[in-house]
Amino acid sequence: MEKTKLDLASWNRATHFGFFSQMEEPFYGMTVNIDCTKAFAKAKELEIPFFTYYMHKTLAAVNSVENFKYRIIDKEVFIYDRIDVSATIMREDKTFGFSLIEFDSDLNQFHQNAKQEIERIQNTEGLFTRDFPETNLIHFSAIPWVNFTSLSHARSFSFPDSCPKVSFGKLTEAEGKKSMPMSVHVHHGLVDGYHVGLFIEEFEKQMNS
C-alpha cells in the first residue's frame, strides 16, 4: 500500500477543497435503496456470508473511483493506491469493535481476510483493539435491524477525518426482490455528488454481476 501527494496547485478542485475544508462539518451524505436480489443469491451459492459479500463489492467500487481514494493528511491531499475497510464487528455481548480488513480483488482471499479479523474482534474486548497506522480506509457498518431512510454519524469536529463512511440497513423483500438501504457520507473537500454517483453506479454493477 502506497500513497502519493496530490499537487494542489494543478488540481482543478483546489478551490473546492479549500472552501469545504474550512467548515466545521465538511461531510455530507445521502441514502439510496440497493437491489440485492442477485447478490444475495450469489453469496449463498458461493457459501460466503452476505455481509462479507457486499462489503467486498463496496470496496471494489470504492477502489474504482479516484476521489474515494483521496485522504487529507496535515492539510495536504494524498491518493492511496488501495483502500481497505474498518468495519464495526459485533460480539455475542452486543458490543462491537473496530476492525481492519485488507481489500483483495479476489473474493475468496478477501473472505479469508475478513473471517480472520472478525474472529479476532469477537475474541477481544473494547472498541479499539489494534492500531490504525494509515487512513487508507472506509468506515463501514451494518444496521440489519432497521430499514432506515436516512442516517447521521457521531463525529468529533476537531478530529481531522476524511474517510468515507458507508452503512447498510435491513434486508427486506417485496414482490420477489430483495433490497436494503445504503448510506454514504463523504468529505465535500474531496468528493462531490458526481463522484458519489460514480461510486453508487459501480456498486450496483458489482452487486448485479
C-alpha atoms as a PDB file:
ATOM      1  CA  MET A   1       0.000   0.000   0.000  1.00  0.00           C
ATOM      2  CA  GLU A   2       1.426   3.363  -1.085  1.00  0.00           C
ATOM      3  CA  LYS A   3       0.246   6.962  -1.230  1.00  0.00           C
ATOM      4  CA  THR A   4       1.132   9.883  -3.478  1.00  0.00           C
ATOM      5  CA  LYS A   5       0.846  13.572  -2.650  1.00  0.00           C
ATOM      6  CA  LEU A   6      -1.583  15.455  -4.871  1.00  0.00           C
ATOM      7  CA  ASP A   7      -0.358  18.705  -6.426  1.00  0.00           C
ATOM      8  CA  LEU A   8      -2.936  21.186  -5.169  1.00  0.00           C
ATOM      9  CA  ALA A   9      -1.630  23.919  -7.484  1.00  0.00           C
ATOM     10  CA  SER A  10      -2.693  21.956 -10.564  1.00  0.00           C
ATOM     11  CA  TRP A  11      -5.781  20.269  -9.103  1.00  0.00           C
ATOM     12  CA  ASN A  12      -8.993  21.511 -10.716  1.00  0.00           C
ATOM     13  CA  ARG A  13     -10.808  21.098  -7.384  1.00  0.00           C
ATOM     14  CA  ALA A  14      -8.286  23.075  -5.296  1.00  0.00           C
ATOM     15  CA  THR A  15     -10.763  25.906  -4.595  1.00  0.00           C
ATOM     16  CA  HIS A  16     -13.451  23.385  -3.667  1.00  0.00           C
ATOM     17  CA  PHE A  17     -11.028  21.670  -1.304  1.00  0.00           C
ATOM     18  CA  GLY A  18     -10.092  24.963   0.336  1.00  0.00           C
ATOM     19  CA  PHE A  19     -13.701  26.077   0.698  1.00  0.00           C
ATOM     20  CA  PHE A  20     -15.161  22.915   2.225  1.00  0.00           C
ATOM     21  CA  SER A  21     -12.118  22.067   4.351  1.00  0.00           C
ATOM     22  CA  GLN A  22     -12.563  25.222   6.424  1.00  0.00           C
ATOM     23  CA  MET A  23     -16.060  24.155   7.510  1.00  0.00           C
ATOM     24  CA  GLU A  24     -16.761  22.723  10.970  1.00  0.00           C
ATOM     25  CA  GLU A  25     -18.711  19.917   9.272  1.00  0.00           C
ATOM     26  CA  PRO A  26     -17.369  19.246   5.759  1.00  0.00           C
ATOM     27  CA  PHE A  27     -19.141  15.880   5.453  1.00  0.00           C
ATOM     28  CA  TYR A  28     -22.405  15.354   3.614  1.00  0.00           C
ATOM     29  CA  GLY A  29     -24.391  12.205   2.981  1.00  0.00           C
ATOM     30  CA  MET A  30     -27.176  10.556   1.066  1.00  0.00           C
ATOM     31  CA  THR A  31     -29.164   7.322   1.262  1.00  0.00           C
ATOM     32  CA  VAL A  32     -30.184   5.082  -1.624  1.00  0.00           C
ATOM     33  CA  ASN A  33     -32.015   1.770  -1.915  1.00  0.00           C
ATOM     34  CA  ILE A  34     -29.960  -1.070  -3.419  1.00  0.00           C
ATOM     35  CA  ASP A  35     -31.360  -4.092  -5.259  1.00  0.00           C
ATOM     36  CA  CYS A  36     -29.675  -7.099  -3.631  1.00  0.00           C
ATOM     37  CA  THR A  37     -31.604  -9.931  -5.294  1.00  0.00           C
ATOM     38  CA  LYS A  38     -28.780 -11.271  -7.480  1.00  0.00           C
ATOM     39  CA  ALA A  39     -26.057 -10.518  -4.929  1.00  0.00           C
ATOM     40  CA  PHE A  40     -27.843 -12.363  -2.133  1.00  0.00           C
ATOM     41  CA  ALA A  41     -28.332 -15.422  -4.331  1.00  0.00           C
ATOM     42  CA  LYS A  42     -24.696 -15.302  -5.473  1.00  0.00           C
ATOM     43  CA  ALA A  43     -23.366 -15.075  -1.919  1.00  0.00           C
ATOM     44  CA  LYS A  44     -25.497 -18.048  -0.910  1.00  0.00           C
ATOM     45  CA  GLU A  45     -24.286 -20.009  -3.945  1.00  0.00           C
ATOM     46  CA  LEU A  46     -20.652 -19.281  -3.044  1.00  0.00           C
ATOM     47  CA  GLU A  47     -21.310 -20.005   0.662  1.00  0.00           C
ATOM     48  CA  ILE A  48     -19.927 -16.611   1.645  1.00  0.00           C
ATOM     49  CA  PRO A  49     -21.711 -14.513   4.317  1.00  0.00           C
ATOM     50  CA  PHE A  50     -23.789 -11.832   2.642  1.00  0.00           C
ATOM     51  CA  PHE A  51     -22.192  -9.200   4.927  1.00  0.00           C
ATOM     52  CA  THR A  52     -18.745 -10.161   3.624  1.00  0.00           C
ATOM     53  CA  TYR A  53     -20.005 -10.297   0.040  1.00  0.00           C
ATOM     54  CA  TYR A  54     -21.461  -6.790  -0.088  1.00  0.00           C
ATOM     55  CA  MET A  55     -18.533  -5.373   1.906  1.00  0.00           C
ATOM     56  CA  HIS A  56     -16.228  -6.730  -0.806  1.00  0.00           C
ATOM     57  CA  LYS A  57     -18.382  -5.193  -3.543  1.00  0.00           C
ATOM     58  CA  THR A  58     -18.370  -1.885  -1.659  1.00  0.00           C
ATOM     59  CA  LEU A  59     -14.572  -1.874  -1.556  1.00  0.00           C
ATOM     60  CA  ALA A  60     -14.342  -2.859  -5.208  1.00  0.00           C
ATOM     61  CA  ALA A  61     -16.481   0.162  -6.083  1.00  0.00           C
ATOM     62  CA  VAL A  62     -14.559   2.481  -3.741  1.00  0.00           C
ATOM     63  CA  ASN A  63     -11.257   1.450  -5.277  1.00  0.00           C
ATOM     64  CA  SER A  64     -12.586   2.173  -8.770  1.00  0.00           C
ATOM     65  CA  VAL A  65     -13.335   5.870  -8.068  1.00  0.00           C
ATOM     66  CA  GLU A  66     -10.214   8.021  -7.630  1.00  0.00           C
ATOM     67  CA  ASN A  67     -11.801  10.660  -5.401  1.00  0.00           C
ATOM     68  CA  PHE A  68     -12.813   7.980  -2.882  1.00  0.00           C
ATOM     69  CA  LYS A  69      -9.085   7.205  -2.527  1.00  0.00           C
ATOM     70  CA  TYR A  70      -8.146  10.773  -1.515  1.00  0.00           C
ATOM     71  CA  ARG A  71      -7.293  11.478   2.135  1.00  0.00           C
ATOM     72  CA  ILE A  72      -6.297  14.650   3.954  1.00  0.00           C
ATOM     73  CA  ILE A  73      -3.059  14.392   5.956  1.00  0.00           C
ATOM     74  CA  ASP A  74      -1.665  17.527   7.645  1.00  0.00           C
ATOM     75  CA  LYS A  75      -3.817  19.729   5.396  1.00  0.00           C
ATOM     76  CA  GLU A  76      -2.413  18.104   2.261  1.00  0.00           C
ATOM     77  CA  VAL A  77      -4.236  15.687  -0.050  1.00  0.00           C
ATOM     78  CA  PHE A  78      -2.828  12.226  -0.748  1.00  0.00           C
ATOM     79  CA  ILE A  79      -4.118   9.478  -3.005  1.00  0.00           C
ATOM     80  CA  TYR A  80      -3.730   5.883  -1.858  1.00  0.00           C
ATOM     81  CA  ASP A  81      -3.227   3.045  -4.296  1.00  0.00           C
ATOM     82  CA  ARG A  82      -5.531   0.787  -2.210  1.00  0.00           C
ATOM     83  CA  ILE A  83      -8.404   1.406   0.174  1.00  0.00           C
ATOM     84  CA  ASP A  84      -9.152  -1.102   2.939  1.00  0.00           C
ATOM     85  CA  VAL A  85     -12.056  -1.226   5.384  1.00  0.00           C
ATOM     86  CA  SER A  86     -12.600  -0.639   9.076  1.00  0.00           C
ATOM     87  CA  ALA A  87     -15.913  -2.343   9.784  1.00  0.00           C
ATOM     88  CA  THR A  88     -17.787  -2.473  13.073  1.00  0.00           C
ATOM     89  CA  ILE A  89     -17.946  -6.112  14.203  1.00  0.00           C
ATOM     90  CA  MET A  90     -20.483  -7.201  16.818  1.00  0.00           C
ATOM     91  CA  ARG A  91     -19.706  -9.637  19.615  1.00  0.00           C
ATOM     92  CA  GLU A  92     -22.018 -12.019  21.480  1.00  0.00           C
ATOM     93  CA  ASP A  93     -22.426  -9.485  24.308  1.00  0.00           C
ATOM     94  CA  LYS A  94     -23.715  -6.948  21.708  1.00  0.00           C
ATOM     95  CA  THR A  95     -20.689  -4.659  21.996  1.00  0.00           C
ATOM     96  CA  PHE A  96     -18.615  -4.055  18.889  1.00  0.00           C
ATOM     97  CA  GLY A  97     -15.022  -3.386  17.928  1.00  0.00           C
ATOM     98  CA  PHE A  98     -13.390  -1.570  15.022  1.00  0.00           C
ATOM     99  CA  SER A  99     -11.746  -3.980  12.593  1.00  0.00           C
ATOM    100  CA  LEU A 100      -9.169  -3.556   9.843  1.00  0.00           C
ATOM    101  CA  ILE A 101      -9.701  -5.796   6.811  1.00  0.00           C
ATOM    102  CA  GLU A 102      -7.375  -5.575   3.824  1.00  0.00           C
ATOM    103  CA  PHE A 103      -9.032  -5.395   0.431  1.00  0.00           C
ATOM    104  CA  ASP A 104      -8.229  -8.033  -2.156  1.00  0.00           C
ATOM    105  CA  SER A 105      -9.838  -8.097  -5.594  1.00  0.00           C
ATOM    106  CA  ASP A 106     -10.124 -11.872  -5.218  1.00  0.00           C
ATOM    107  CA  LEU A 107     -13.360 -12.513  -3.314  1.00  0.00           C
ATOM    108  CA  ASN A 108     -12.161 -15.765  -1.743  1.00  0.00           C
ATOM    109  CA  GLN A 109      -8.983 -14.162  -0.400  1.00  0.00           C
ATOM    110  CA  PHE A 110     -10.981 -11.213   0.932  1.00  0.00           C
ATOM    111  CA  HIS A 111     -13.342 -13.680   2.608  1.00  0.00           C
ATOM    112  CA  GLN A 112     -10.383 -15.234   4.406  1.00  0.00           C
ATOM    113  CA  ASN A 113      -9.068 -11.802   5.425  1.00  0.00           C
ATOM    114  CA  ALA A 114     -12.497 -10.857   6.787  1.00  0.00           C
ATOM    115  CA  LYS A 115     -13.069 -14.183   8.544  1.00  0.00           C
ATOM    116  CA  GLN A 116      -9.741 -13.950  10.381  1.00  0.00           C
ATOM    117  CA  GLU A 117     -10.315 -10.353  11.503  1.00  0.00           C
ATOM    118  CA  ILE A 118     -13.935 -10.962  12.537  1.00  0.00           C
ATOM    119  CA  GLU A 119     -12.841 -13.902  14.693  1.00  0.00           C
ATOM    120  CA  ARG A 120     -10.132 -11.758  16.279  1.00  0.00           C
ATOM    121  CA  ILE A 121     -12.565  -8.960  17.132  1.00  0.00           C
ATOM    122  CA  GLN A 122     -15.081 -11.403  18.596  1.00  0.00           C
ATOM    123  CA  ASN A 123     -12.405 -12.719  20.942  1.00  0.00           C
ATOM    124  CA  THR A 124     -11.234  -9.340  22.235  1.00  0.00           C
ATOM    125  CA  GLU A 125     -12.796  -6.601  24.355  1.00  0.00           C
ATOM    126  CA  GLY A 126     -13.232  -2.880  23.867  1.00  0.00           C
ATOM    127  CA  LEU A 127     -13.669  -0.582  20.900  1.00  0.00           C
ATOM    128  CA  PHE A 128     -10.084  -0.137  19.677  1.00  0.00           C
ATOM    129  CA  THR A 129      -8.283  -3.481  19.660  1.00  0.00           C
ATOM    130  CA  ARG A 130      -5.480  -2.581  17.234  1.00  0.00           C
ATOM    131  CA  ASP A 131      -3.586   0.336  15.727  1.00  0.00           C
ATOM    132  CA  PHE A 132      -4.711   2.099  12.558  1.00  0.00           C
ATOM    133  CA  PRO A 133      -1.415   3.422  11.145  1.00  0.00           C
ATOM    134  CA  GLU A 134      -2.869   4.719   7.864  1.00  0.00           C
ATOM    135  CA  THR A 135      -6.062   6.420   6.704  1.00  0.00           C
ATOM    136  CA  ASN A 136      -6.499   4.289   3.570  1.00  0.00           C
ATOM    137  CA  LEU A 137      -9.868   3.196   4.951  1.00  0.00           C
ATOM    138  CA  ILE A 138     -13.578   3.485   4.629  1.00  0.00           C
ATOM    139  CA  HIS A 139     -15.624   3.310   7.816  1.00  0.00           C
ATOM    140  CA  PHE A 140     -18.180   0.575   7.292  1.00  0.00           C
ATOM    141  CA  SER A 141     -21.151  -0.544   9.356  1.00  0.00           C
ATOM    142  CA  ALA A 142     -24.336  -2.576   9.102  1.00  0.00           C
ATOM    143  CA  ILE A 143     -27.570  -1.906  10.993  1.00  0.00           C
ATOM    144  CA  PRO A 144     -29.507  -5.006   9.897  1.00  0.00           C
ATOM    145  CA  TRP A 145     -32.401  -4.367  12.298  1.00  0.00           C
ATOM    146  CA  VAL A 146     -33.508  -1.048  10.745  1.00  0.00           C
ATOM    147  CA  ASN A 147     -34.837  -0.242   7.279  1.00  0.00           C
ATOM    148  CA  PHE A 148     -33.668   3.361   7.550  1.00  0.00           C
ATOM    149  CA  THR A 149     -34.265   6.146   5.040  1.00  0.00           C
ATOM    150  CA  SER A 150     -31.560   8.476   6.386  1.00  0.00           C
ATOM    151  CA  LEU A 151     -28.608   8.240   8.744  1.00  0.00           C
ATOM    152  CA  SER A 152     -26.225  10.521  10.642  1.00  0.00           C
ATOM    153  CA  HIS A 153     -22.877   9.749  12.283  1.00  0.00           C
ATOM    154  CA  ALA A 154     -21.289  10.658  15.614  1.00  0.00           C
ATOM    155  CA  ARG A 155     -18.287  12.865  14.780  1.00  0.00           C
ATOM    156  CA  SER A 156     -15.701  14.993  16.536  1.00  0.00           C
ATOM    157  CA  PHE A 157     -15.304  18.155  14.500  1.00  0.00           C
ATOM    158  CA  SER A 158     -11.798  18.661  15.938  1.00  0.00           C
ATOM    159  CA  PHE A 159     -10.588  15.273  14.647  1.00  0.00           C
ATOM    160  CA  PRO A 160      -9.072  15.504  11.128  1.00  0.00           C
ATOM    161  CA  ASP A 161     -11.234  12.839   9.498  1.00  0.00           C
ATOM    162  CA  SER A 162     -11.606  12.446   5.741  1.00  0.00           C
ATOM    163  CA  CYS A 163     -12.550   8.749   5.405  1.00  0.00           C
ATOM    164  CA  PRO A 164     -15.821   7.946   3.609  1.00  0.00           C
ATOM    165  CA  LYS A 165     -18.469   6.217   5.714  1.00  0.00           C
ATOM    166  CA  VAL A 166     -20.727   3.572   4.191  1.00  0.00           C
ATOM    167  CA  SER A 167     -23.570   1.979   6.166  1.00  0.00           C
ATOM    168  CA  PHE A 168     -26.215  -0.593   5.290  1.00  0.00           C
ATOM    169  CA  GLY A 169     -29.620  -1.249   6.799  1.00  0.00           C
ATOM    170  CA  LYS A 170     -32.129  -4.079   6.955  1.00  0.00           C
ATOM    171  CA  LEU A 171     -32.520  -6.508   4.068  1.00  0.00           C
ATOM    172  CA  THR A 172     -36.182  -6.603   3.036  1.00  0.00           C
ATOM    173  CA  GLU A 173     -38.123  -8.430   0.332  1.00  0.00           C
ATOM    174  CA  ALA A 174     -41.124  -7.333  -1.733  1.00  0.00           C
ATOM    175  CA  GLU A 175     -42.570  -8.968  -4.838  1.00  0.00           C
ATOM    176  CA  GLY A 176     -39.640 -11.370  -5.019  1.00  0.00           C
ATOM    177  CA  LYS A 177     -36.971  -8.649  -4.923  1.00  0.00           C
ATOM    178  CA  LYS A 178     -34.540  -8.154  -2.060  1.00  0.00           C
ATOM    179  CA  SER A 179     -33.241  -4.688  -1.236  1.00  0.00           C
ATOM    180  CA  MET A 180     -31.576  -2.691   1.540  1.00  0.00           C
ATOM    181  CA  PRO A 181     -30.724   0.944   2.208  1.00  0.00           C
ATOM    182  CA  MET A 182     -27.168   2.207   1.794  1.00  0.00           C
ATOM    183  CA  SER A 183     -25.948   5.446   3.350  1.00  0.00           C
ATOM    184  CA  VAL A 184     -22.836   7.184   2.000  1.00  0.00           C
ATOM    185  CA  HIS A 185     -21.097  10.069   3.837  1.00  0.00           C
ATOM    186  CA  VAL A 186     -18.076  11.795   2.292  1.00  0.00           C
ATOM    187  CA  HIS A 187     -15.846  14.836   2.802  1.00  0.00           C
ATOM    188  CA  HIS A 188     -17.005  17.518   0.364  1.00  0.00           C
ATOM    189  CA  GLY A 189     -13.475  18.852   0.034  1.00  0.00           C
ATOM    190  CA  LEU A 190     -12.562  15.598  -1.699  1.00  0.00           C
ATOM    191  CA  VAL A 191     -15.764  14.160  -3.141  1.00  0.00           C
ATOM    192  CA  ASP A 192     -18.647  15.818  -4.986  1.00  0.00           C
ATOM    193  CA  GLY A 193     -22.084  14.430  -5.786  1.00  0.00           C
ATOM    194  CA  TYR A 194     -20.835  13.394  -9.221  1.00  0.00           C
ATOM    195  CA  HIS A 195     -18.236  11.104  -7.643  1.00  0.00           C
ATOM    196  CA  VAL A 196     -20.779   9.624  -5.234  1.00  0.00           C
ATOM    197  CA  GLY A 197     -22.903   8.883  -8.297  1.00  0.00           C
ATOM    198  CA  LEU A 198     -19.967   7.068  -9.919  1.00  0.00           C
ATOM    199  CA  PHE A 199     -19.468   5.020  -6.752  1.00  0.00           C
ATOM    200  CA  ILE A 200     -23.144   4.041  -6.487  1.00  0.00           C
ATOM    201  CA  GLU A 201     -23.298   3.163 -10.185  1.00  0.00           C
ATOM    202  CA  GLU A 202     -20.244   0.910  -9.871  1.00  0.00           C
ATOM    203  CA  PHE A 203     -21.512  -0.667  -6.649  1.00  0.00           C
ATOM    204  CA  GLU A 204     -24.841  -1.536  -8.267  1.00  0.00           C
ATOM    205  CA  LYS A 205     -22.929  -3.015 -11.211  1.00  0.00           C
ATOM    206  CA  GLN A 206     -20.839  -5.111  -8.812  1.00  0.00           C
ATOM    207  CA  MET A 207     -23.941  -6.307  -6.956  1.00  0.00           C
ATOM    208  CA  ASN A 208     -25.633  -7.374 -10.193  1.00  0.00           C
ATOM    209  CA  SER A 209     -22.649  -9.050 -11.831  1.00  0.00           C
END
